[in-house]
Amino acid sequence: MQLHFQQQNVALNVAKKMSKTLHKKIVLNNHQRNDGTYAIYLQLRLGKRKLLNTGLYVKREEFDAVKQRVNKKCAFYKDYNLILEDLLSKVTNIQVAYRLSNHIFTLEELVEDLENPMARTNFVAFYKNELENQKQLLKHSTYKQQKATLSKLEKYMPVVFFHEIDENWLKKFVGYLKSKLKNKENTINGTLKNIKKYVHIANSRGIQTPISYDKIKVPSFKSKPIFLHKKSIDKLKKYLDSEFVNETHRNVLRRFLFSCYTGLRISDNKRMTRENILENYLIFTAEKTNKLQRILLNETAKSMINKKGPLFDDNYTPEYINRALKEIAKICGIKERLTFHVSRHTFATQYILAGGNVTKLQKLLAHSNIRETMIYVHIVDDLLEDDILNMD
């Protein structure tokens, strides 16, 4: 049965708003339809009131307002009353589930559970519903990343009952990510982090799982950053200036190399406009960290952007850019997989190699912890040791 919102959302007085008692009642709508019938509604009160259309319609004389049921004057009174009792039973079951988990629920949460009954049993349906509810609150990149996890879940098991989510299920899912999808450690950890988030939300809503969210351990794994050596950067610049480069590759290379000299993430790279440039500085608030950043543009960085109008001549999607970078790497004979993670790592590594200060680099990359930045110092130390060995 499909429930429908009636445009009723009447705030009660302050004292009633603080009440934790849910009141439910079956009522008849006052509006008479053309066929002489009235809609039957489920009325819920918990600080405010909501009316949910049950999809049932009877004549006024066929409804007993005291008993809150359809009377024998209606030919379908037995079926209608069974539907009403089943609906009230669902409300009670949801109440009990919340009470057992010591969760003080809202009227909105209860209505959502009524309208999406599968979301209380099927984790995949719950994840999908919650993700869409949060869509406007999440950054676009975060939404896409969490939606990618949902896609993996749907391919693995379209229906995952909450009572199935235990340590063994998690191990099998990780095995699927490794063997079938060929995901790397960092990608797997990101996927597990998303699973943990939505299990946490479910647990907080009174939905129990054999393994609670706080028992789901997400390993802290940091792969060694991939960066470009100066020879590879020079190859890309040479291709950019050649007569053989096509328009798409030229546009993509300018963006990529600009990030190699500024450390910009792709999300920030694509947001930059002329207004972000003040004299020789790039000033912006990073999308990921929400921190204000100020980066000095050297001559090479400035040569990658237009002197007037838009900084770049394209509006390609990140996916399109990554495909173009793969083609460019092949043409230039670069074995590394070119991504904007690589351009960022390249900037950091080249900065330290040029004698840059690690504390200043931490600010340029907007790292919250100096340990993140120290990775590049260790990389440069290893490179210098290799140079010594090459002297033999």
Protein backbone atom coordinates (compact mmCIF):
# COMPACT_ATOMS: atom_id res chain seq x y z
CA MET A 1 0.00 0.00 0.00
CA GLN A 2 1.30 3.44 -0.91
CA LEU A 3 1.12 6.16 1.71
CA HIS A 4 0.77 9.77 0.60
CA PHE A 5 1.51 12.98 2.49
CA GLN A 6 -1.43 15.31 3.00
CA GLN A 7 -0.21 18.89 3.17
CA GLN A 8 -0.69 19.02 6.92
CA ASN A 9 2.23 19.81 9.18
CA VAL A 10 0.62 21.70 12.03
CA ALA A 11 2.92 22.81 14.84
CA LEU A 12 1.43 22.37 18.31
CA ASN A 13 2.22 24.35 21.45
CA VAL A 14 5.65 24.22 23.04
CA ALA A 15 4.63 21.82 25.77
CA LYS A 16 3.35 19.27 23.27
CA LYS A 17 6.48 19.64 21.15
CA MET A 18 8.52 18.32 24.05
CA SER A 19 6.31 15.22 24.38
CA LYS A 20 7.91 11.87 23.61
CA THR A 21 4.56 10.06 23.25
CA LEU A 22 3.34 9.20 19.78
CA HIS A 23 -0.41 9.46 19.26
CA LYS A 24 -1.94 7.66 16.29
CA LYS A 25 -5.50 7.74 15.06
CA ILE A 26 -7.51 6.68 12.00
CA VAL A 27 -9.61 9.62 10.76
CA LEU A 28 -11.82 10.55 7.85
CA ASN A 29 -10.91 13.53 5.69
CA ASN A 30 -13.45 16.35 5.57
CA HIS A 31 -13.15 16.78 1.80
CA GLN A 32 -15.84 14.92 -0.18
CA ARG A 33 -14.77 13.51 -3.54
CA ASN A 34 -16.90 13.62 -6.69
CA ASP A 35 -18.07 10.05 -6.10
CA GLY A 36 -19.33 10.95 -2.62
CA THR A 37 -16.51 9.21 -0.73
CA TYR A 38 -13.93 10.52 1.75
CA ALA A 39 -10.28 9.55 2.14
CA ILE A 40 -9.21 7.62 5.23
CA TYR A 41 -6.06 8.98 6.86
CA LEU A 42 -3.63 7.83 9.49
CA GLN A 43 -3.06 10.81 11.80
CA LEU A 44 0.23 10.89 13.70
CA ARG A 45 1.09 13.38 16.44
CA LEU A 46 4.55 13.76 17.95
CA GLY A 47 5.23 17.41 18.64
CA LYS A 48 3.48 18.15 15.34
CA ARG A 49 0.87 16.47 13.20
CA LYS A 50 1.09 14.58 9.92
CA LEU A 51 -1.74 13.02 7.96
CA LEU A 52 -0.91 10.03 5.77
CA ASN A 53 -3.33 8.96 3.06
CA THR A 54 -4.03 5.24 3.39
CA GLY A 55 -5.36 5.03 -0.17
CA LEU A 56 -8.78 3.89 1.15
CA TYR A 57 -12.02 5.77 0.40
CA VAL A 58 -15.48 5.26 1.96
CA LYS A 59 -18.75 7.14 2.35
CA ARG A 60 -19.21 9.04 5.61
CA GLU A 61 -21.87 6.63 6.90
CA GLU A 62 -19.48 3.71 6.29
CA PHE A 63 -16.91 4.97 8.81
CA ASP A 64 -17.11 4.61 12.60
CA ALA A 65 -15.20 7.58 14.03
CA VAL A 66 -15.32 6.20 17.60
CA LYS A 67 -13.94 2.76 16.73
CA GLN A 68 -11.75 4.28 13.99
CA ARG A 69 -12.74 1.52 11.60
CA VAL A 70 -14.88 0.93 8.52
CA ASN A 71 -18.31 -0.44 9.46
CA LYS A 72 -20.45 -3.17 7.88
CA LYS A 73 -22.24 -0.73 5.62
CA CYS A 74 -19.16 -0.92 3.36
CA ALA A 75 -18.99 -4.07 1.23
CA PHE A 76 -15.20 -4.25 1.75
CA TYR A 77 -15.14 -3.44 5.47
CA LYS A 78 -13.20 -6.59 6.42
CA ASP A 79 -10.42 -6.02 3.88
CA TYR A 80 -10.22 -2.29 4.65
CA ASN A 81 -9.98 -2.90 8.39
CA LEU A 82 -7.24 -5.49 7.90
CA ILE A 83 -5.26 -2.91 5.94
CA LEU A 84 -5.77 -0.30 8.68
CA GLU A 85 -4.75 -2.71 11.44
CA ASP A 86 -1.69 -3.78 9.48
CA LEU A 87 -0.69 -0.13 9.09
CA LEU A 88 -1.10 0.56 12.82
CA SER A 89 0.87 -2.61 13.58
CA LYS A 90 3.75 -1.36 11.40
CA VAL A 91 3.80 1.91 13.33
CA THR A 92 3.90 0.00 16.61
CA ASN A 93 6.74 -2.25 15.40
CA ILE A 94 8.81 0.77 14.40
CA GLN A 95 8.14 2.35 17.81
CA VAL A 96 9.28 -0.82 19.58
CA ALA A 97 12.46 -1.06 17.49
CA TYR A 98 13.36 2.51 18.38
CA ARG A 99 12.55 1.98 22.06
CA LEU A 100 14.71 -1.15 22.28
CA SER A 101 17.67 0.79 20.91
CA ASN A 102 17.03 3.75 23.25
CA HIS A 103 16.62 6.00 20.21
CA ILE A 104 14.38 9.05 20.60
CA PHE A 105 12.88 9.17 17.13
CA THR A 106 11.28 12.06 15.29
CA LEU A 107 8.02 12.08 13.41
CA GLU A 108 9.94 12.49 10.16
CA GLU A 109 12.00 9.34 10.85
CA LEU A 110 8.89 7.31 11.60
CA VAL A 111 7.11 8.45 8.43
CA GLU A 112 10.23 7.70 6.37
CA ASP A 113 10.32 4.15 7.76
CA LEU A 114 6.63 3.71 6.94
CA GLU A 115 7.07 4.92 3.36
CA ASN A 116 10.21 2.85 2.80
CA PRO A 117 9.58 -0.44 4.65
CA MET A 118 12.42 -2.23 2.85
CA ALA A 119 14.85 0.33 4.28
CA ARG A 120 14.35 -1.22 7.72
CA THR A 121 15.33 -4.70 6.54
CA ASN A 122 17.50 -4.26 3.43
CA PHE A 123 20.77 -2.39 4.06
CA VAL A 124 21.19 -1.57 0.34
CA ALA A 125 17.74 0.06 0.21
CA PHE A 126 18.50 1.92 3.45
CA TYR A 127 21.87 3.15 2.12
CA LYS A 128 20.28 4.35 -1.14
CA ASN A 129 17.48 6.18 0.65
CA GLU A 130 19.80 7.87 3.15
CA LEU A 131 22.28 8.87 0.46
CA GLU A 132 19.55 10.65 -1.51
CA ASN A 133 18.35 12.36 1.67
CA GLN A 134 21.87 13.71 2.23
CA LYS A 135 22.55 14.63 -1.40
CA GLN A 136 22.03 18.36 -0.91
CA LEU A 137 24.20 18.37 2.22
CA LEU A 138 27.17 16.49 0.79
CA LYS A 139 29.86 17.92 -1.44
CA HIS A 140 29.45 16.66 -4.98
CA SER A 141 32.71 14.69 -4.85
CA THR A 142 31.66 13.07 -1.54
CA TYR A 143 28.25 12.16 -2.93
CA LYS A 144 29.82 10.56 -6.01
CA GLN A 145 32.28 8.60 -3.89
CA GLN A 146 29.53 7.29 -1.59
CA LYS A 147 27.32 6.50 -4.57
CA ALA A 148 30.19 4.46 -6.06
CA THR A 149 30.11 2.33 -2.90
CA LEU A 150 26.35 1.88 -3.34
CA SER A 151 26.92 0.67 -6.93
CA LYS A 152 29.43 -1.92 -5.67
CA LEU A 153 26.93 -3.11 -3.07
CA GLU A 154 24.15 -3.43 -5.65
CA LYS A 155 26.40 -5.48 -7.94
CA TYR A 156 27.58 -7.70 -5.10
CA MET A 157 24.22 -8.29 -3.39
CA PRO A 158 21.15 -6.21 -4.35
CA VAL A 159 19.53 -7.29 -1.09
CA VAL A 160 21.62 -7.38 2.09
CA PHE A 161 19.52 -7.96 5.18
CA PHE A 162 20.72 -6.13 8.28
CA HIS A 163 20.93 -9.41 10.19
CA GLU A 164 23.50 -10.61 7.61
CA ILE A 165 25.98 -7.83 8.28
CA ASP A 166 28.60 -9.45 10.46
CA GLU A 167 32.37 -9.86 10.36
CA ASN A 168 32.11 -12.79 7.96
CA TRP A 169 29.95 -10.82 5.50
CA LEU A 170 32.42 -7.93 5.59
CA LYS A 171 35.35 -10.29 4.85
CA LYS A 172 33.52 -11.76 1.86
CA PHE A 173 32.66 -8.29 0.56
CA VAL A 174 36.30 -7.19 0.86
CA GLY A 175 37.28 -10.37 -1.00
CA TYR A 176 34.87 -9.40 -3.80
CA LEU A 177 36.37 -5.90 -3.99
CA LYS A 178 39.88 -7.35 -4.27
CA SER A 179 39.34 -10.31 -6.60
CA LYS A 180 36.43 -9.21 -8.83
CA LEU A 181 36.75 -5.43 -8.91
CA LYS A 182 40.55 -5.36 -8.52
CA ASN A 183 40.27 -2.50 -6.00
CA LYS A 184 43.46 -1.26 -4.31
CA GLU A 185 43.83 -0.99 -0.53
CA ASN A 186 42.98 2.71 -0.33
CA THR A 187 39.86 2.23 -2.46
CA ILE A 188 38.73 -0.70 -0.30
CA ASN A 189 39.28 1.31 2.86
CA GLY A 190 37.22 4.17 1.44
CA THR A 191 34.43 1.71 0.61
CA LEU A 192 34.51 0.24 4.14
CA LYS A 193 34.43 3.74 5.60
CA ASN A 194 31.20 4.40 3.71
CA ILE A 195 29.69 1.08 4.82
CA LYS A 196 30.55 1.96 8.41
CA LYS A 197 28.91 5.39 8.06
CA TYR A 198 25.56 3.99 6.95
CA VAL A 199 25.62 1.11 9.44
CA HIS A 200 26.16 3.80 12.08
CA ILE A 201 23.09 5.71 10.88
CA ALA A 202 21.05 2.49 10.85
CA ASN A 203 22.17 1.56 14.38
CA SER A 204 21.27 5.04 15.61
CA ARG A 205 17.77 4.55 14.14
CA GLY A 206 17.22 1.39 16.14
CA ILE A 207 18.15 -1.07 13.38
CA GLN A 208 20.39 -3.73 14.89
CA THR A 209 23.25 -5.50 13.09
CA PRO A 210 25.32 -8.48 14.34
CA ILE A 211 28.39 -6.27 14.10
CA SER A 212 27.79 -2.72 15.30
CA TYR A 213 29.31 0.22 13.45
CA ASP A 214 31.99 0.82 16.13
CA LYS A 215 33.32 -2.71 15.62
CA ILE A 216 33.88 -2.17 11.90
CA LYS A 217 37.58 -1.44 11.66
CA VAL A 218 38.84 0.54 8.67
CA PRO A 219 42.60 0.02 8.29
CA SER A 220 44.75 3.10 7.94
CA PHE A 221 46.70 2.35 4.79
CA LYS A 222 48.68 4.93 2.88
CA SER A 223 50.21 3.85 -0.39
CA LYS A 224 53.43 5.50 -1.51
CA PRO A 225 52.54 8.64 -3.50
CA ILE A 226 53.15 8.45 -7.24
CA PHE A 227 54.81 11.57 -8.64
CA LEU A 228 56.55 12.68 -11.81
CA HIS A 229 60.28 13.28 -12.12
CA LYS A 230 61.48 16.41 -13.90
CA LYS A 231 62.19 14.39 -17.09
CA SER A 232 58.54 13.34 -17.31
CA ILE A 233 57.34 16.89 -16.65
CA ASP A 234 59.62 18.13 -19.44
CA LYS A 235 58.16 15.51 -21.81
CA LEU A 236 54.65 16.79 -21.11
CA LYS A 237 55.68 20.43 -21.61
CA LYS A 238 57.43 19.52 -24.87
CA TYR A 239 54.29 17.75 -26.13
CA LEU A 240 52.16 20.73 -25.07
CA ASP A 241 54.31 23.09 -27.18
CA SER A 242 54.52 20.75 -30.17
CA GLU A 243 52.61 21.08 -33.43
CA PHE A 244 51.24 17.56 -32.98
CA VAL A 245 49.16 18.21 -29.85
CA ASN A 246 45.40 18.33 -30.49
CA GLU A 247 43.04 20.81 -28.85
CA THR A 248 41.70 18.37 -26.24
CA HIS A 249 45.16 17.28 -25.13
CA ARG A 250 46.33 20.89 -25.02
CA ASN A 251 43.44 21.93 -22.77
CA VAL A 252 43.86 18.94 -20.46
CA LEU A 253 47.64 19.31 -20.27
CA ARG A 254 47.38 22.97 -19.30
CA ARG A 255 45.08 22.08 -16.40
CA PHE A 256 47.26 19.15 -15.34
CA LEU A 257 50.55 21.06 -15.47
CA PHE A 258 48.95 24.01 -13.67
CA SER A 259 48.25 21.62 -10.78
CA CYS A 260 51.80 20.28 -10.99
CA TYR A 261 52.97 23.82 -10.17
CA THR A 262 50.25 24.73 -7.64
CA GLY A 263 49.22 21.45 -5.99
CA LEU A 264 45.53 22.02 -6.74
CA ARG A 265 43.12 19.13 -6.47
CA ILE A 266 40.96 18.63 -9.55
CA SER A 267 37.88 19.87 -7.67
CA ASP A 268 39.62 23.19 -6.94
CA ASN A 269 41.33 23.34 -10.34
CA LYS A 270 37.96 23.29 -12.10
CA ARG A 271 36.52 26.01 -9.85
CA MET A 272 39.26 28.57 -10.40
CA THR A 273 38.30 31.81 -12.14
CA ARG A 274 39.98 35.14 -12.83
CA GLU A 275 38.55 36.39 -9.52
CA ASN A 276 40.73 33.90 -7.62
CA ILE A 277 43.90 35.59 -8.87
CA LEU A 278 45.16 38.62 -6.99
CA GLU A 279 48.41 39.99 -8.44
CA ASN A 280 50.70 36.90 -8.47
CA TYR A 281 48.69 34.84 -5.98
CA LEU A 282 45.96 32.24 -6.30
CA ILE A 283 43.53 32.75 -3.41
CA PHE A 284 40.65 30.36 -2.78
CA THR A 285 38.86 28.23 -0.20
CA ALA A 286 39.65 24.55 -0.75
CA GLU A 287 36.54 22.49 -1.41
CA LYS A 288 37.72 19.44 0.55
CA THR A 289 39.08 21.15 3.67
CA ASN A 290 37.16 24.45 3.57
CA LYS A 291 40.45 26.20 4.37
CA LEU A 292 41.53 29.50 2.84
CA GLN A 293 44.63 28.99 0.68
CA ARG A 294 47.08 31.44 -0.83
CA ILE A 295 49.53 30.08 -3.41
CA LEU A 296 52.18 32.10 -5.23
CA LEU A 297 52.08 31.52 -8.98
CA ASN A 298 55.49 31.09 -10.62
CA GLU A 299 56.04 31.93 -14.28
CA THR A 300 55.45 28.35 -15.46
CA ALA A 301 52.11 28.17 -13.64
CA LYS A 302 51.05 31.52 -15.12
CA SER A 303 51.97 30.32 -18.61
CA MET A 304 49.37 27.53 -18.30
CA ILE A 305 46.40 29.90 -17.93
CA ASN A 306 44.89 32.47 -20.26
CA LYS A 307 45.97 36.07 -19.83
CA LYS A 308 42.36 37.32 -20.18
CA GLY A 309 38.89 35.89 -19.70
CA PRO A 310 38.45 32.33 -18.39
CA LEU A 311 41.62 30.75 -17.05
CA PHE A 312 41.12 27.63 -19.20
CA ASP A 313 39.40 26.93 -22.51
CA ASP A 314 37.48 23.79 -21.52
CA ASN A 315 34.83 22.50 -19.19
CA TYR A 316 35.58 18.78 -19.41
CA THR A 317 34.33 16.39 -16.75
CA PRO A 318 36.91 14.76 -14.44
CA GLU A 319 36.20 11.42 -16.12
CA TYR A 320 36.89 12.85 -19.57
CA ILE A 321 40.08 14.50 -18.30
CA ASN A 322 41.35 11.22 -16.85
CA ARG A 323 40.75 9.42 -20.16
CA ALA A 324 42.64 12.15 -22.02
CA LEU A 325 45.53 11.97 -19.51
CA LYS A 326 45.80 8.23 -20.17
CA GLU A 327 46.18 8.95 -23.91
CA ILE A 328 48.74 11.68 -23.22
CA ALA A 329 50.85 9.41 -21.01
CA LYS A 330 50.97 6.80 -23.78
CA ILE A 331 51.98 9.36 -26.41
CA CYS A 332 54.71 10.81 -24.20
CA GLY A 333 56.03 7.43 -23.11
CA ILE A 334 55.27 8.02 -19.41
CA LYS A 335 54.70 4.82 -17.45
CA GLU A 336 52.99 6.50 -14.49
CA ARG A 337 49.20 6.73 -14.58
CA LEU A 338 48.49 10.44 -14.86
CA THR A 339 45.86 11.73 -12.45
CA PHE A 340 45.38 14.91 -10.43
CA HIS A 341 46.57 12.97 -7.38
CA VAL A 342 49.84 12.55 -9.27
CA SER A 343 50.02 16.26 -10.15
CA ARG A 344 49.52 17.16 -6.47
CA HIS A 345 52.20 14.68 -5.35
CA THR A 346 54.47 16.04 -8.09
CA PHE A 347 54.08 19.59 -6.80
CA ALA A 348 54.89 18.55 -3.22
CA THR A 349 57.91 16.45 -4.19
CA GLN A 350 59.36 19.05 -6.54
CA TYR A 351 58.82 21.74 -3.90
CA ILE A 352 60.91 19.83 -1.32
CA LEU A 353 63.55 18.99 -3.94
CA ALA A 354 63.85 22.71 -4.69
CA GLY A 355 64.64 23.34 -1.01
CA GLY A 356 61.14 24.22 0.16
CA ASN A 357 60.22 24.23 3.85
CA VAL A 358 58.04 21.33 5.04
CA THR A 359 55.99 23.58 7.35
CA LYS A 360 55.21 25.93 4.47
CA LEU A 361 54.36 22.95 2.28
CA GLN A 362 51.89 21.77 4.92
CA LYS A 363 50.08 25.11 4.58
CA LEU A 364 50.20 25.03 0.79
CA LEU A 365 48.62 21.56 0.75
CA ALA A 366 46.22 22.46 3.61
CA HIS A 367 47.23 19.34 5.56
CA SER A 368 45.80 19.20 9.07
CA ASN A 369 48.66 17.00 10.29
CA ILE A 370 52.36 17.53 9.57
CA ARG A 371 52.79 13.74 9.31
CA GLU A 372 50.90 13.80 6.01
CA THR A 373 53.39 16.32 4.66
CA MET A 374 56.46 14.50 6.02
CA ILE A 375 55.78 11.71 3.51
CA TYR A 376 57.25 13.95 0.79
CA VAL A 377 60.35 14.67 2.86
CA HIS A 378 60.97 10.93 3.17
CA ILE A 379 60.46 10.50 -0.59
CA VAL A 380 63.06 13.18 -1.33
CA ASP A 381 65.48 11.64 1.18
CA ASP A 382 65.15 8.32 -0.66
CA LEU A 383 65.76 10.04 -4.01
CA LEU A 384 68.92 11.71 -2.71
CA GLU A 385 70.23 8.39 -1.42
CA ASP A 386 69.60 6.84 -4.85
CA ASP A 387 71.61 9.67 -6.42
CA ILE A 388 74.55 8.83 -4.15
CA LEU A 389 74.36 5.16 -5.11
CA ASN A 390 74.26 6.14 -8.79
CA MET A 391 77.69 7.75 -8.37
CA ASP A 392 79.32 4.26 -8.16
